[in-house]
Amino acid sequence: MAAQIRASHILLMYKGSMRSQADRSQKEAQASIENIRDELAQGADFAQMAREYSDCPSSEEGGDLGYFGKGSMVPEFEEAAFGLDKGDVSDVVETSFGYHLIQRTD
């Protein structure tokens, strides 16, 4: 297993999630992230979708989080990201920050 990987993500926060300023409910965030996942499965560009929808500051970079190693991310995120092959996109991952879609880029 690689010591470090590079990944991008799309994050949808909701009222009550960590560091959130979002007005949407948890249910609304979950429905929206599932719609984004479906668009990605139909060939939508991940970076463009991140720029348009993600609540993370990384959205300006198409969701790019750069390289990171084990212990850098919350456990649920890390497990999903390190479990992907290069180019793959995760299913919806829930963390204390909200709902994520993760694309491993290296």
Protein backbone atom coordinates (compact mmCIF):
# COMPACT_ATOMS: atom_id res chain seq x y z
CA MET A 1 0.00 0.00 0.00
CA ALA A 2 1.24 3.47 -0.87
CA ALA A 3 2.62 5.64 1.94
CA GLN A 4 0.97 8.67 0.40
CA ILE A 5 -1.81 9.14 -2.10
CA ARG A 6 -3.35 12.13 -3.85
CA ALA A 7 -7.07 12.63 -3.93
CA SER A 8 -9.80 15.13 -4.65
CA HIS A 9 -13.17 15.32 -3.02
CA ILE A 10 -16.60 16.88 -3.12
CA LEU A 11 -17.97 17.74 0.32
CA LEU A 12 -21.55 18.63 1.13
CA MET A 13 -21.98 19.91 4.66
CA TYR A 14 -25.28 20.23 6.49
CA LYS A 15 -26.63 22.00 9.56
CA GLY A 16 -24.85 20.48 12.53
CA SER A 17 -21.88 18.97 10.70
CA MET A 18 -18.43 20.00 11.86
CA ARG A 19 -17.38 23.53 10.79
CA SER A 20 -20.55 23.82 8.73
CA GLN A 21 -22.13 27.07 7.67
CA ALA A 22 -24.59 25.26 5.41
CA ASP A 23 -28.32 25.80 5.64
CA ARG A 24 -29.30 22.44 4.16
CA SER A 25 -30.56 19.57 6.30
CA GLN A 26 -28.68 16.29 6.58
CA LYS A 27 -31.35 14.64 4.44
CA GLU A 28 -31.01 17.34 1.75
CA ALA A 29 -27.20 16.98 1.74
CA GLN A 30 -27.46 13.22 1.38
CA ALA A 31 -29.91 13.49 -1.53
CA SER A 32 -27.71 16.08 -3.27
CA ILE A 33 -24.49 14.08 -2.91
CA GLU A 34 -26.26 11.01 -4.30
CA ASN A 35 -27.40 13.07 -7.32
CA ILE A 36 -23.81 14.26 -7.84
CA ARG A 37 -22.58 10.65 -7.59
CA ASP A 38 -25.09 9.66 -10.27
CA GLU A 39 -23.94 12.50 -12.57
CA LEU A 40 -20.32 11.40 -12.10
CA ALA A 41 -21.29 7.82 -12.98
CA GLN A 42 -22.76 9.19 -16.22
CA GLY A 43 -19.46 10.85 -17.12
CA ALA A 44 -19.56 14.30 -15.48
CA ASP A 45 -16.15 15.85 -14.81
CA PHE A 46 -15.16 15.43 -11.14
CA ALA A 47 -13.18 18.68 -10.89
CA GLN A 48 -15.98 20.70 -12.46
CA MET A 49 -18.55 19.15 -10.13
CA ALA A 50 -16.29 19.97 -7.15
CA ARG A 51 -15.96 23.59 -8.27
CA GLU A 52 -19.72 23.86 -8.63
CA TYR A 53 -21.00 21.99 -5.57
CA SER A 54 -18.35 21.32 -2.91
CA ASP A 55 -18.48 23.21 0.40
CA CYS A 56 -14.74 22.70 0.98
CA PRO A 57 -12.24 25.47 0.17
CA SER A 58 -10.52 22.87 -2.04
CA SER A 59 -13.41 23.36 -4.48
CA GLU A 60 -11.44 26.23 -6.06
CA GLU A 61 -8.83 23.63 -7.06
CA GLY A 62 -11.39 21.17 -8.37
CA GLY A 63 -11.48 19.43 -5.01
CA ASP A 64 -7.75 18.61 -5.04
CA LEU A 65 -6.43 17.85 -1.54
CA GLY A 66 -2.87 17.18 -2.69
CA TYR A 67 -0.82 14.30 -1.31
CA PHE A 68 -1.48 12.97 2.16
CA GLY A 69 -0.45 10.01 4.25
CA LYS A 70 -2.09 7.82 6.83
CA GLY A 71 -3.28 9.73 9.87
CA SER A 72 -3.83 12.99 7.98
CA MET A 73 -7.58 12.60 7.45
CA VAL A 74 -10.48 11.43 9.57
CA PRO A 75 -10.64 7.60 9.64
CA GLU A 76 -13.71 7.16 7.41
CA PHE A 77 -12.25 9.41 4.73
CA GLU A 78 -8.80 7.82 4.94
CA GLU A 79 -10.14 4.27 4.70
CA ALA A 80 -12.20 5.10 1.62
CA ALA A 81 -9.42 7.08 -0.10
CA PHE A 82 -6.70 4.50 0.48
CA GLY A 83 -9.09 1.76 -0.68
CA LEU A 84 -9.49 3.30 -4.13
CA ASP A 85 -7.43 2.58 -7.22
CA LYS A 86 -6.08 5.57 -9.15
CA GLY A 87 -8.92 7.20 -11.10
CA ASP A 88 -11.70 5.57 -9.09
CA VAL A 89 -14.44 7.50 -7.31
CA SER A 90 -15.80 6.35 -3.97
CA ASP A 91 -19.37 5.79 -3.03
CA VAL A 92 -20.78 8.38 -0.60
CA VAL A 93 -18.61 8.60 2.54
CA GLU A 94 -20.04 10.19 5.69
CA THR A 95 -17.74 11.90 8.18
CA SER A 96 -18.31 14.46 10.92
CA PHE A 97 -17.82 17.14 8.22
CA GLY A 98 -20.66 15.89 6.02
CA TYR A 99 -20.92 13.74 2.90
CA HIS A 100 -17.97 13.20 0.57
CA LEU A 101 -17.27 11.75 -2.82
CA ILE A 102 -13.56 10.99 -3.18
CA GLN A 103 -11.53 10.52 -6.34
CA ARG A 104 -8.07 9.05 -6.03
CA THR A 105 -5.83 10.87 -8.47
CA ASP A 106 -2.42 9.31 -7.66
